[in-house]
Amino acid sequence: QRWIAGFRTQVVKLCDFGFSTPLAGAEHVTDAMPRGTPVYMSPECMGRRRVSCSADVYSFAMCVWHLWAGARPFSHLSSYAELSHAVTRGERPPLDRLP
């Protein structure tokens, strides 16, 4: 528990605005080159397709998976090409490889 501005709270906030960009409407097209850490990128970002806020949900889910598993998602893959192929095909990190 922490005291913030005189209020007792148990809220945890996680944010990363390193590559933030305003959304024009509900969706936008990604840049020519994807940016970010590949293991946390959504399939839309890796495939350079239209993205929406759901891409952030996917990335957050990969962060939670990393925290829960104690290892990076898709750590069994050895190259960006393998990772990109797995993510864009809709594969999920294997749970049987957890420590």
C-alpha atoms as a PDB file:
ATOM      1  CA  GLN A   1       0.000   0.000   0.000  1.00  0.00           C
ATOM      2  CA  ARG A   2       1.189   3.477  -0.789  1.00  0.00           C
ATOM      3  CA  TRP A   3       0.034   6.937   0.055  1.00  0.00           C
ATOM      4  CA  ILE A   4      -0.247   9.142  -3.026  1.00  0.00           C
ATOM      5  CA  ALA A   5      -1.358  12.759  -2.642  1.00  0.00           C
ATOM      6  CA  GLY A   6      -3.008  11.933   0.665  1.00  0.00           C
ATOM      7  CA  PHE A   7      -4.948   8.919  -0.658  1.00  0.00           C
ATOM      8  CA  ARG A   8      -4.297   5.327   0.289  1.00  0.00           C
ATOM      9  CA  THR A   9      -4.114   3.156  -2.819  1.00  0.00           C
ATOM     10  CA  GLN A  10      -3.253  -0.370  -3.963  1.00  0.00           C
ATOM     11  CA  VAL A  11      -3.283   0.483  -7.652  1.00  0.00           C
ATOM     12  CA  VAL A  12      -0.388  -0.463  -9.899  1.00  0.00           C
ATOM     13  CA  LYS A  13      -0.024   1.423 -13.156  1.00  0.00           C
ATOM     14  CA  LEU A  14       2.163   0.274 -16.006  1.00  0.00           C
ATOM     15  CA  CYS A  15       2.820   2.506 -18.991  1.00  0.00           C
ATOM     16  CA  ASP A  16       5.269   2.884 -21.810  1.00  0.00           C
ATOM     17  CA  PHE A  17       4.989   5.832 -24.151  1.00  0.00           C
ATOM     18  CA  GLY A  18       8.249   5.246 -26.012  1.00  0.00           C
ATOM     19  CA  PHE A  19       6.582   4.806 -29.409  1.00  0.00           C
ATOM     20  CA  SER A  20       3.221   6.380 -28.701  1.00  0.00           C
ATOM     21  CA  THR A  21       1.324   8.030 -31.491  1.00  0.00           C
ATOM     22  CA  PRO A  22      -2.105   9.621 -31.566  1.00  0.00           C
ATOM     23  CA  LEU A  23      -4.764   7.482 -33.199  1.00  0.00           C
ATOM     24  CA  ALA A  24      -6.632   9.202 -35.996  1.00  0.00           C
ATOM     25  CA  GLY A  25     -10.046   7.655 -35.455  1.00  0.00           C
ATOM     26  CA  ALA A  26     -10.148   4.086 -34.198  1.00  0.00           C
ATOM     27  CA  GLU A  27      -7.314   2.613 -36.273  1.00  0.00           C
ATOM     28  CA  HIS A  28      -4.162   3.554 -38.117  1.00  0.00           C
ATOM     29  CA  VAL A  29      -1.600   1.810 -40.304  1.00  0.00           C
ATOM     30  CA  THR A  30       1.758   0.999 -38.769  1.00  0.00           C
ATOM     31  CA  ASP A  31       4.982   2.596 -39.982  1.00  0.00           C
ATOM     32  CA  ALA A  32       7.042   0.954 -42.709  1.00  0.00           C
ATOM     33  CA  MET A  33       9.265  -0.644 -40.069  1.00  0.00           C
ATOM     34  CA  PRO A  34       7.860  -2.086 -36.858  1.00  0.00           C
ATOM     35  CA  ARG A  35       9.327  -0.581 -33.686  1.00  0.00           C
ATOM     36  CA  GLY A  36       9.570  -2.093 -30.241  1.00  0.00           C
ATOM     37  CA  THR A  37      10.675  -5.303 -28.592  1.00  0.00           C
ATOM     38  CA  PRO A  38       9.622  -8.146 -30.906  1.00  0.00           C
ATOM     39  CA  VAL A  39       8.496 -10.620 -28.224  1.00  0.00           C
ATOM     40  CA  TYR A  40       5.894  -8.103 -27.029  1.00  0.00           C
ATOM     41  CA  MET A  41       4.670  -6.967 -30.482  1.00  0.00           C
ATOM     42  CA  SER A  42       1.165  -7.820 -31.591  1.00  0.00           C
ATOM     43  CA  PRO A  43       0.584  -9.783 -34.797  1.00  0.00           C
ATOM     44  CA  GLU A  44      -0.755  -6.595 -36.420  1.00  0.00           C
ATOM     45  CA  CYS A  45       2.451  -4.697 -35.660  1.00  0.00           C
ATOM     46  CA  MET A  46       4.701  -7.509 -36.869  1.00  0.00           C
ATOM     47  CA  GLY A  47       2.663  -7.963 -40.022  1.00  0.00           C
ATOM     48  CA  ARG A  48       2.524  -4.200 -40.666  1.00  0.00           C
ATOM     49  CA  ARG A  49      -1.271  -4.293 -40.787  1.00  0.00           C
ATOM     50  CA  ARG A  50      -3.896  -1.923 -39.405  1.00  0.00           C
ATOM     51  CA  VAL A  51      -3.657  -1.678 -35.648  1.00  0.00           C
ATOM     52  CA  SER A  52      -6.042  -0.565 -32.958  1.00  0.00           C
ATOM     53  CA  CYS A  53      -5.982  -0.456 -29.187  1.00  0.00           C
ATOM     54  CA  SER A  54      -6.175  -4.263 -29.183  1.00  0.00           C
ATOM     55  CA  ALA A  55      -2.483  -4.290 -30.161  1.00  0.00           C
ATOM     56  CA  ASP A  56      -1.737  -2.703 -26.777  1.00  0.00           C
ATOM     57  CA  VAL A  57      -3.842  -5.364 -25.051  1.00  0.00           C
ATOM     58  CA  TYR A  58      -1.802  -8.086 -26.775  1.00  0.00           C
ATOM     59  CA  SER A  59       1.494  -6.454 -25.750  1.00  0.00           C
ATOM     60  CA  PHE A  60       0.287  -6.088 -22.171  1.00  0.00           C
ATOM     61  CA  ALA A  61      -0.732  -9.764 -22.147  1.00  0.00           C
ATOM     62  CA  MET A  62       2.781 -10.735 -23.249  1.00  0.00           C
ATOM     63  CA  CYS A  63       4.198  -8.621 -20.382  1.00  0.00           C
ATOM     64  CA  VAL A  64       1.918 -10.406 -17.917  1.00  0.00           C
ATOM     65  CA  TRP A  65       2.898 -13.786 -19.412  1.00  0.00           C
ATOM     66  CA  HIS A  66       6.567 -12.854 -18.899  1.00  0.00           C
ATOM     67  CA  LEU A  67       5.928 -11.913 -15.264  1.00  0.00           C
ATOM     68  CA  TRP A  68       3.916 -15.070 -14.599  1.00  0.00           C
ATOM     69  CA  ALA A  69       6.235 -17.474 -16.425  1.00  0.00           C
ATOM     70  CA  GLY A  70       9.493 -15.928 -15.275  1.00  0.00           C
ATOM     71  CA  ALA A  71      10.786 -16.101 -18.862  1.00  0.00           C
ATOM     72  CA  ARG A  72      10.259 -14.159 -22.069  1.00  0.00           C
ATOM     73  CA  PRO A  73       7.423 -15.334 -24.279  1.00  0.00           C
ATOM     74  CA  PHE A  74       8.649 -17.489 -27.176  1.00  0.00           C
ATOM     75  CA  SER A  75      12.105 -17.798 -25.592  1.00  0.00           C
ATOM     76  CA  HIS A  76      12.449 -21.202 -27.282  1.00  0.00           C
ATOM     77  CA  LEU A  77      12.618 -19.527 -30.713  1.00  0.00           C
ATOM     78  CA  SER A  78      16.076 -18.524 -31.885  1.00  0.00           C
ATOM     79  CA  SER A  79      15.497 -15.886 -34.564  1.00  0.00           C
ATOM     80  CA  TYR A  80      13.327 -12.902 -35.400  1.00  0.00           C
ATOM     81  CA  ALA A  81      12.035 -14.765 -38.479  1.00  0.00           C
ATOM     82  CA  GLU A  82      10.821 -17.693 -36.330  1.00  0.00           C
ATOM     83  CA  LEU A  83       9.222 -15.303 -33.837  1.00  0.00           C
ATOM     84  CA  SER A  84       7.528 -13.261 -36.542  1.00  0.00           C
ATOM     85  CA  HIS A  85       6.200 -16.409 -38.209  1.00  0.00           C
ATOM     86  CA  ALA A  86       4.808 -17.754 -34.916  1.00  0.00           C
ATOM     87  CA  VAL A  87       3.182 -14.483 -33.877  1.00  0.00           C
ATOM     88  CA  THR A  88       1.620 -13.660 -37.247  1.00  0.00           C
ATOM     89  CA  ARG A  89       0.175 -17.200 -37.441  1.00  0.00           C
ATOM     90  CA  GLY A  90      -1.563 -16.611 -34.099  1.00  0.00           C
ATOM     91  CA  GLU A  91       0.535 -19.013 -32.048  1.00  0.00           C
ATOM     92  CA  ARG A  92       0.749 -18.520 -28.312  1.00  0.00           C
ATOM     93  CA  PRO A  93       3.784 -19.000 -26.083  1.00  0.00           C
ATOM     94  CA  PRO A  94       3.857 -22.658 -25.021  1.00  0.00           C
ATOM     95  CA  LEU A  95       2.829 -23.262 -21.432  1.00  0.00           C
ATOM     96  CA  ASP A  96       4.591 -26.637 -21.297  1.00  0.00           C
ATOM     97  CA  ARG A  97       7.953 -24.844 -21.378  1.00  0.00           C
ATOM     98  CA  LEU A  98       7.382 -22.970 -18.134  1.00  0.00           C
ATOM     99  CA  PRO A  99      10.039 -23.384 -15.450  1.00  0.00           C
END
